[in-house]
Amino acid sequence: MTSLPSVRASEPNGVVYRDEFLMVDFGLIPTGGNKTAHAPSLIETADGGLLCAWFAGSFEGSGDISVVVSKLDPVEQVWSVPETVSRGVDRSEQNPAFFRSPEGSIWLIYTSQLSRQEGKDNMQFTSIIMVQKSNDEGQTWGEPEVLFSEEGTFSRQEIQILSNGRWLFATWLCEDSAEGLTNDPTEFRISDDQGQTWKKVRMPESNGRVHANVVEVQPGHLVAFMRSRFADYIYSSKSLDYGDTWSVPQKTVLPNNNASISAIKLQTGEIALAYNVNAARNPEFGKVAWPGLRNPVAVSISEDFGQTWPIGRVFEAAEGFIGAENKTNNAQYEYPTLYQTKDGLMHLVYAYKNRMCVKYVRFSVDDVFGEKREADGLYNPTSGEGVEASE
């Protein structure tokens, strides 16, 4: 048989392509020779480009894991080979997030923990929060500085500036125990003097609900959406006083697989949330679960502060296995970050195909909504009802 031409080959060459079937732009960002790529984040640069940071190296938790940064050239539409930015020795430096400070510098915030040790699979209880700053839009980075020194502090999201000028930074606390992941509570760092001093605010009864994505839906009215260690649902909590107090987390209608999510407020006011549409088969509240179902990647939209999610679209379907006993054959497509640039376009990045590289997808808000909005459709090819005439 004649050898067939290949399509959809996974080649992380940095080139952004147009998918004429899905009507989105996409690219696989170069790895820089690293074995794995995980937990990407994004920020827009002054020239209209993007920076993407993620952690790379041999294996999560190992001492060679470092934060790397790649740039999307706004003219050529090609992602650069990443450069290593973090500089820890024998430390696993993870979960980068970008923050644009009021004076214009870009902060690269990330966790830094001791390398894995014999008999210790998880060293997150040794983590501290680091920061490096750039005054030239990510071309160069300053020396690493300790942002929060309390060991066991972990993060994934960026610092947010609220409508009253307050800075809010979501963290969770890790401990050295067999139940450490079960006991992780969410804790916010809050500053009213642009990061000079910080206070702590603990979310009540939040153990096992982490990665808080905070959206200010109205002045002072905050909603946080969280990953669940129990692999059951995405949870939410609200604050009506700029983050000074929080409600007990409640499950939403969206599933969660004990993996990271990303929620943002769109320029038009809705909340958009990127996540894996999966959960454990029989989740138990209070019991950590790892179902191995980090797929597919979807974006859903809420118009009522997260109460309902009537709009959604899958942007990464994985390999398509859906059976109760074979869906774990799908590879992992995980840890999405969603970002909206000044021009209104949406940008999605996530760890692609078992962390081989980072995938980038670009689309419009309209691409999420689609052309029609209806709860029930009509398609009757016999009568012709709902059948659109072909061109």
Protein backbone atom coordinates (compact mmCIF):
# COMPACT_ATOMS: atom_id res chain seq x y z
CA MET A 1 0.00 0.00 0.00
CA THR A 2 1.19 3.51 -0.77
CA SER A 3 2.46 5.41 2.27
CA LEU A 4 -0.12 8.02 3.20
CA PRO A 5 0.71 11.64 4.04
CA SER A 6 0.55 12.50 7.71
CA VAL A 7 -1.74 15.11 9.24
CA ARG A 8 -2.05 16.41 12.80
CA ALA A 9 1.52 15.37 13.55
CA SER A 10 2.69 16.52 16.97
CA GLU A 11 5.67 18.69 16.03
CA PRO A 12 6.51 21.39 18.59
CA ASN A 13 8.10 23.79 16.10
CA GLY A 14 6.47 26.97 17.42
CA VAL A 15 4.63 27.79 14.19
CA VAL A 16 1.05 29.00 14.62
CA TYR A 17 -1.30 27.37 12.12
CA ARG A 18 -4.91 27.92 11.07
CA ASP A 19 -7.25 24.97 11.62
CA GLU A 20 -9.87 25.46 8.91
CA PHE A 21 -12.08 22.70 10.32
CA LEU A 22 -12.29 23.97 13.91
CA MET A 23 -11.75 27.59 12.80
CA VAL A 24 -9.10 28.29 15.43
CA ASP A 25 -5.39 29.10 15.38
CA PHE A 26 -3.00 26.74 17.17
CA GLY A 27 0.63 25.84 17.64
CA LEU A 28 2.88 23.55 19.65
CA ILE A 29 5.51 25.55 21.53
CA PRO A 30 9.13 24.30 21.33
CA THR A 31 10.37 22.30 24.31
CA GLY A 32 13.94 23.56 24.37
CA GLY A 33 15.06 19.94 24.66
CA ASN A 34 13.28 19.36 27.96
CA LYS A 35 11.54 16.04 28.57
CA THR A 36 8.33 17.46 30.04
CA ALA A 37 6.33 20.68 29.98
CA HIS A 38 3.60 21.56 32.49
CA ALA A 39 1.46 24.30 34.04
CA PRO A 40 1.74 27.05 31.38
CA SER A 41 0.67 30.67 31.90
CA LEU A 42 0.37 33.72 29.63
CA ILE A 43 0.75 37.49 29.55
CA GLU A 44 0.49 40.04 26.74
CA THR A 45 3.54 42.15 25.93
CA ALA A 46 3.58 45.82 24.90
CA ASP A 47 4.26 44.94 21.24
CA GLY A 48 1.18 42.74 20.98
CA GLY A 49 3.04 39.48 21.48
CA LEU A 50 2.64 36.94 24.26
CA LEU A 51 4.92 35.39 26.84
CA CYS A 52 4.28 31.82 27.91
CA ALA A 53 5.95 30.35 31.00
CA TRP A 54 5.82 26.77 32.24
CA PHE A 55 7.94 24.38 34.25
CA ALA A 56 10.20 21.98 32.40
CA GLY A 57 12.68 19.22 33.10
CA SER A 58 12.76 15.49 33.74
CA PHE A 59 9.87 14.88 36.13
CA GLU A 60 7.68 17.06 38.36
CA GLY A 61 9.22 17.42 41.81
CA SER A 62 12.80 16.67 40.68
CA GLY A 63 15.70 19.02 41.30
CA ASP A 64 16.17 19.82 37.61
CA ILE A 65 12.67 21.28 37.18
CA SER A 66 12.93 24.95 36.19
CA VAL A 67 10.67 27.70 34.91
CA VAL A 68 11.15 28.51 31.22
CA VAL A 69 9.72 31.31 29.07
CA SER A 70 8.90 31.48 25.35
CA LYS A 71 7.66 34.46 23.31
CA LEU A 72 5.14 34.59 20.48
CA ASP A 73 6.38 37.02 17.84
CA PRO A 74 3.32 39.16 16.96
CA VAL A 75 4.43 39.58 13.34
CA GLU A 76 5.96 36.22 12.43
CA GLN A 77 3.47 34.26 14.57
CA VAL A 78 6.12 31.83 15.77
CA TRP A 79 6.88 30.85 19.36
CA SER A 80 10.55 31.07 20.32
CA VAL A 81 12.65 28.29 21.80
CA PRO A 82 12.18 28.75 25.56
CA GLU A 83 14.86 30.13 27.84
CA THR A 84 15.36 28.95 31.40
CA VAL A 85 14.63 31.77 33.85
CA SER A 86 14.53 30.31 37.37
CA ARG A 87 17.84 29.49 39.00
CA GLY A 88 17.23 27.24 42.00
CA VAL A 89 19.81 24.55 42.75
CA ASP A 90 18.45 21.09 43.55
CA ARG A 91 14.96 22.57 43.78
CA SER A 92 11.82 21.89 41.79
CA GLU A 93 10.49 25.26 40.61
CA GLN A 94 6.91 25.05 39.40
CA ASN A 95 3.56 26.70 38.62
CA PRO A 96 4.66 30.01 37.08
CA ALA A 97 2.23 32.93 36.87
CA PHE A 98 2.71 36.41 35.38
CA PHE A 99 1.71 39.70 37.03
CA ARG A 100 1.82 43.15 35.44
CA SER A 101 2.70 45.61 38.22
CA PRO A 102 1.25 49.14 38.26
CA GLU A 103 4.56 50.65 37.16
CA GLY A 104 4.66 48.32 34.17
CA SER A 105 7.19 45.66 35.08
CA ILE A 106 6.33 41.98 34.58
CA TRP A 107 6.63 39.71 37.59
CA LEU A 108 7.20 35.99 37.13
CA ILE A 109 5.93 34.27 40.28
CA TYR A 110 6.55 30.57 40.92
CA THR A 111 6.88 27.95 43.65
CA SER A 112 10.22 26.51 44.73
CA GLN A 113 10.50 23.29 46.73
CA LEU A 114 13.25 20.89 47.71
CA SER A 115 13.96 18.11 45.25
CA ARG A 116 12.23 14.80 45.88
CA GLN A 117 13.81 12.63 48.55
CA GLU A 118 13.88 8.89 49.04
CA GLY A 119 10.65 7.80 50.65
CA LYS A 120 9.02 11.20 49.97
CA ASP A 121 6.99 11.41 46.78
CA ASN A 122 5.63 14.87 47.54
CA MET A 123 7.86 17.68 48.82
CA GLN A 124 5.35 20.51 48.41
CA PHE A 125 5.43 21.08 52.17
CA THR A 126 8.90 22.63 51.63
CA SER A 127 7.70 25.10 48.98
CA ILE A 128 8.20 28.85 49.15
CA ILE A 129 7.07 31.50 46.65
CA MET A 130 9.68 33.18 44.46
CA VAL A 131 9.52 36.12 42.06
CA GLN A 132 11.69 37.46 39.25
CA LYS A 133 11.00 40.80 37.58
CA SER A 134 11.49 42.09 34.06
CA ASN A 135 11.64 45.74 33.05
CA ASP A 136 11.98 45.03 29.32
CA GLU A 137 8.86 42.97 28.55
CA GLY A 138 10.47 39.63 29.34
CA GLN A 139 13.68 39.99 27.36
CA THR A 140 15.73 39.77 30.57
CA TRP A 141 14.89 38.84 34.15
CA GLY A 142 16.25 40.02 37.47
CA GLU A 143 17.64 37.88 40.25
CA PRO A 144 15.23 35.54 42.06
CA GLU A 145 13.70 37.01 45.20
CA VAL A 146 11.68 35.34 47.94
CA LEU A 147 8.13 36.69 47.84
CA PHE A 148 6.66 34.50 50.62
CA SER A 149 9.03 32.51 52.81
CA GLU A 150 6.60 30.34 54.78
CA GLU A 151 7.31 26.74 53.82
CA GLY A 152 4.36 24.81 52.46
CA THR A 153 2.95 27.82 50.57
CA PHE A 154 1.88 26.89 47.04
CA SER A 155 0.32 28.88 44.20
CA ARG A 156 -0.78 28.71 40.58
CA GLN A 157 -2.58 32.00 39.86
CA GLU A 158 -1.26 35.54 39.47
CA ILE A 159 -1.61 38.50 41.82
CA GLN A 160 -4.84 40.34 41.05
CA ILE A 161 -5.48 44.04 41.48
CA LEU A 162 -9.06 44.66 42.61
CA SER A 163 -11.19 47.68 41.79
CA ASN A 164 -10.25 49.41 45.06
CA GLY A 165 -6.52 48.98 44.37
CA ARG A 166 -6.10 46.04 46.74
CA TRP A 167 -3.72 43.25 45.71
CA LEU A 168 -4.97 39.68 46.21
CA PHE A 169 -2.89 36.53 45.78
CA ALA A 170 -4.40 33.06 46.13
CA THR A 171 -2.34 30.30 47.76
CA TRP A 172 -2.92 27.00 49.47
CA LEU A 173 -0.99 25.40 52.30
CA CYS A 174 0.72 22.01 52.06
CA GLU A 175 1.74 19.86 55.02
CA ASP A 176 4.01 16.86 55.56
CA SER A 177 1.52 14.11 56.36
CA ALA A 178 -0.25 11.19 54.74
CA GLU A 179 -3.35 13.36 54.56
CA GLY A 180 -1.46 16.41 53.34
CA LEU A 181 -3.31 16.81 50.06
CA THR A 182 -6.66 16.21 51.75
CA ASN A 183 -5.89 18.93 54.28
CA ASP A 184 -4.70 21.62 51.84
CA PRO A 185 -6.71 24.77 52.71
CA THR A 186 -6.99 27.89 50.56
CA GLU A 187 -5.41 31.03 52.01
CA PHE A 188 -5.25 34.48 50.45
CA ARG A 189 -2.47 37.01 50.78
CA ILE A 190 -3.87 40.55 50.72
CA SER A 191 -1.98 43.83 50.40
CA ASP A 192 -3.36 47.36 50.58
CA ASP A 193 0.02 49.01 49.97
CA GLN A 194 1.04 47.46 46.63
CA GLY A 195 2.89 44.51 48.09
CA GLN A 196 4.82 46.26 50.86
CA THR A 197 2.94 44.36 53.55
CA TRP A 198 0.55 41.42 53.40
CA LYS A 199 -2.13 39.90 55.61
CA LYS A 200 -3.51 36.37 55.48
CA VAL A 201 -7.16 35.43 55.06
CA ARG A 202 -8.14 31.76 55.30
CA MET A 203 -11.14 30.46 53.37
CA PRO A 204 -13.28 28.52 55.88
CA GLU A 205 -13.70 24.77 55.47
CA SER A 206 -11.68 24.83 52.26
CA ASN A 207 -9.46 21.79 52.85
CA GLY A 208 -8.86 19.98 49.59
CA ARG A 209 -10.20 22.88 47.50
CA VAL A 210 -7.19 24.62 45.93
CA HIS A 211 -5.98 26.68 42.93
CA ALA A 212 -8.47 29.48 43.70
CA ASN A 213 -9.22 31.53 40.56
CA VAL A 214 -10.70 34.81 41.75
CA VAL A 215 -13.02 36.88 39.57
CA GLU A 216 -14.28 40.30 40.69
CA VAL A 217 -17.78 40.21 39.23
CA GLN A 218 -18.78 43.57 40.77
CA PRO A 219 -16.81 46.03 42.90
CA GLY A 220 -15.93 44.15 46.09
CA HIS A 221 -17.92 41.08 45.03
CA LEU A 222 -15.45 38.27 44.39
CA VAL A 223 -16.08 34.69 43.28
CA ALA A 224 -13.37 32.05 43.58
CA PHE A 225 -13.44 28.84 41.53
CA MET A 226 -11.35 25.93 42.80
CA ARG A 227 -9.94 22.55 41.89
CA SER A 228 -11.08 19.69 44.11
CA ARG A 229 -8.63 17.14 45.49
CA PHE A 230 -11.61 14.78 45.65
CA ALA A 231 -12.03 14.78 41.84
CA ASP A 232 -15.75 15.47 42.02
CA TYR A 233 -16.70 19.04 41.07
CA ILE A 234 -15.28 22.51 40.64
CA TYR A 235 -16.11 24.41 43.83
CA SER A 236 -16.85 28.09 44.33
CA SER A 237 -16.75 30.56 47.21
CA LYS A 238 -17.70 34.22 47.35
CA SER A 239 -16.63 37.35 49.17
CA LEU A 240 -18.63 40.57 49.38
CA ASP A 241 -15.92 42.66 51.09
CA TYR A 242 -12.94 42.62 48.71
CA GLY A 243 -11.67 39.33 50.11
CA ASP A 244 -11.72 40.02 53.84
CA THR A 245 -14.17 37.17 54.42
CA TRP A 246 -15.22 34.17 52.32
CA SER A 247 -18.10 31.72 52.22
CA VAL A 248 -17.67 27.97 52.70
CA PRO A 249 -16.94 26.43 49.26
CA GLN A 250 -19.87 24.84 47.46
CA LYS A 251 -19.77 22.53 44.48
CA THR A 252 -20.76 23.91 41.08
CA VAL A 253 -22.35 21.96 38.23
CA LEU A 254 -18.99 21.60 36.47
CA PRO A 255 -16.94 18.43 37.03
CA ASN A 256 -13.36 18.35 38.24
CA ASN A 257 -10.74 15.62 38.01
CA ASN A 258 -8.33 16.88 40.67
CA ALA A 259 -6.57 19.04 38.10
CA SER A 260 -6.05 22.75 37.59
CA ILE A 261 -8.65 25.11 36.12
CA SER A 262 -8.54 28.70 34.83
CA ALA A 263 -11.30 31.30 35.25
CA ILE A 264 -11.28 34.89 33.98
CA LYS A 265 -13.73 37.76 33.59
CA LEU A 266 -14.28 38.62 29.95
CA GLN A 267 -14.26 42.20 28.71
CA THR A 268 -18.01 41.86 28.13
CA GLY A 269 -18.59 40.82 31.77
CA GLU A 270 -19.15 37.07 31.55
CA ILE A 271 -16.96 34.50 33.31
CA ALA A 272 -15.04 32.08 31.10
CA LEU A 273 -13.58 28.92 32.64
CA ALA A 274 -11.17 26.40 31.12
CA TYR A 275 -11.16 22.88 32.56
CA ASN A 276 -11.17 19.15 31.86
CA VAL A 277 -14.71 17.80 31.42
CA ASN A 278 -14.14 14.79 33.65
CA ALA A 279 -14.32 13.56 37.25
CA ALA A 280 -13.68 10.38 39.22
CA ARG A 281 -16.22 7.61 38.59
CA ASN A 282 -17.25 7.32 42.24
CA PRO A 283 -15.77 10.31 44.06
CA GLU A 284 -15.89 10.52 47.85
CA PHE A 285 -15.88 13.91 49.53
CA GLY A 286 -12.79 14.17 51.72
CA LYS A 287 -10.86 11.42 49.92
CA VAL A 288 -8.09 12.37 47.48
CA ALA A 289 -8.55 10.82 44.03
CA TRP A 290 -6.36 10.69 40.91
CA PRO A 291 -8.64 9.34 38.15
CA GLY A 292 -6.19 9.83 35.28
CA LEU A 293 -8.79 11.63 33.19
CA ARG A 294 -7.16 14.96 32.37
CA ASN A 295 -9.12 15.52 29.19
CA PRO A 296 -10.89 16.87 27.21
CA VAL A 297 -10.06 20.58 27.47
CA ALA A 298 -13.13 22.82 27.27
CA VAL A 299 -14.12 26.43 27.87
CA SER A 300 -17.50 27.19 29.43
CA ILE A 301 -19.12 30.59 29.95
CA SER A 302 -21.39 31.84 32.75
CA GLU A 303 -23.53 34.96 32.65
CA ASP A 304 -24.74 34.76 36.26
CA PHE A 305 -21.56 34.81 38.35
CA GLY A 306 -20.99 31.05 37.98
CA GLN A 307 -24.41 29.72 38.89
CA THR A 308 -25.04 28.24 35.44
CA TRP A 309 -22.83 27.50 32.43
CA PRO A 310 -25.08 27.33 29.36
CA ILE A 311 -22.32 28.00 26.83
CA GLY A 312 -19.31 25.75 26.23
CA ARG A 313 -16.99 24.28 23.66
CA VAL A 314 -14.35 21.55 23.63
CA PHE A 315 -11.06 22.78 22.19
CA GLU A 316 -9.05 19.59 22.80
CA ALA A 317 -10.96 16.34 22.42
CA ALA A 318 -7.97 14.06 23.18
CA GLU A 319 -7.96 10.74 21.30
CA GLY A 320 -11.70 10.16 21.54
CA PHE A 321 -12.02 7.18 23.89
CA ILE A 322 -15.33 7.48 25.77
CA GLY A 323 -16.21 4.05 27.18
CA ALA A 324 -16.46 3.41 30.91
CA GLU A 325 -13.63 0.89 30.61
CA ASN A 326 -11.45 2.38 27.90
CA LYS A 327 -11.49 6.17 28.32
CA THR A 328 -8.22 6.08 30.28
CA ASN A 329 -6.55 5.34 26.92
CA ASN A 330 -6.73 9.06 26.21
CA ALA A 331 -3.52 10.97 26.83
CA GLN A 332 -3.47 13.76 29.41
CA TYR A 333 -4.21 17.32 28.25
CA GLU A 334 -4.05 19.32 31.42
CA TYR A 335 -3.60 22.50 33.44
CA PRO A 336 -5.19 25.00 31.05
CA THR A 337 -4.68 28.73 31.36
CA LEU A 338 -7.13 31.09 29.68
CA TYR A 339 -6.19 34.67 28.78
CA GLN A 340 -7.89 37.53 26.93
CA THR A 341 -5.76 40.13 25.16
CA LYS A 342 -6.65 43.78 24.69
CA ASP A 343 -8.04 43.07 21.21
CA GLY A 344 -10.63 40.75 22.75
CA LEU A 345 -9.15 37.50 21.42
CA MET A 346 -8.96 34.46 23.69
CA HIS A 347 -5.77 32.49 24.22
CA LEU A 348 -5.59 29.01 25.73
CA VAL A 349 -2.49 27.05 26.69
CA TYR A 350 -2.19 23.65 28.34
CA ALA A 351 0.20 20.75 28.82
CA TYR A 352 -0.19 18.65 25.69
CA LYS A 353 -0.22 14.87 25.27
CA ASN A 354 1.27 13.64 28.54
CA ARG A 355 3.30 16.85 28.97
CA MET A 356 5.39 16.44 25.81
CA CYS A 357 5.03 20.19 25.16
CA VAL A 358 2.68 23.15 25.58
CA LYS A 359 -0.15 23.63 23.09
CA TYR A 360 -1.42 27.11 22.24
CA VAL A 361 -4.92 27.78 20.86
CA ARG A 362 -6.36 31.17 19.80
CA PHE A 363 -10.01 31.97 19.13
CA SER A 364 -12.68 34.62 19.64
CA VAL A 365 -15.43 34.77 22.25
CA ASP A 366 -17.89 34.25 19.38
CA ASP A 367 -16.08 31.00 18.57
CA VAL A 368 -17.08 29.73 22.01
CA PHE A 369 -20.74 30.79 21.65
CA GLY A 370 -21.18 29.58 18.07
CA GLU A 371 -23.69 30.97 15.58
CA LYS A 372 -26.86 29.61 17.21
CA ARG A 373 -28.11 29.80 20.76
CA GLU A 374 -30.90 27.34 21.50
CA ALA A 375 -31.65 24.66 24.07
CA ASP A 376 -33.27 22.33 21.53
CA GLY A 377 -32.43 22.14 17.84
CA LEU A 378 -34.33 20.81 14.87
CA TYR A 379 -32.99 18.65 12.06
CA ASN A 380 -35.40 16.59 10.00
CA PRO A 381 -33.83 15.59 6.69
CA THR A 382 -37.09 13.94 5.53
CA SER A 383 -39.21 17.08 5.76
CA GLY A 384 -36.32 19.43 5.15
CA GLU A 385 -36.88 21.27 8.43
CA GLY A 386 -33.60 22.52 9.86
CA VAL A 387 -31.67 21.40 6.82
CA GLU A 388 -29.57 24.23 5.46
CA ALA A 389 -29.24 24.47 1.71
CA SER A 390 -25.74 23.68 0.55
CA GLU A 391 -23.89 26.31 -1.40
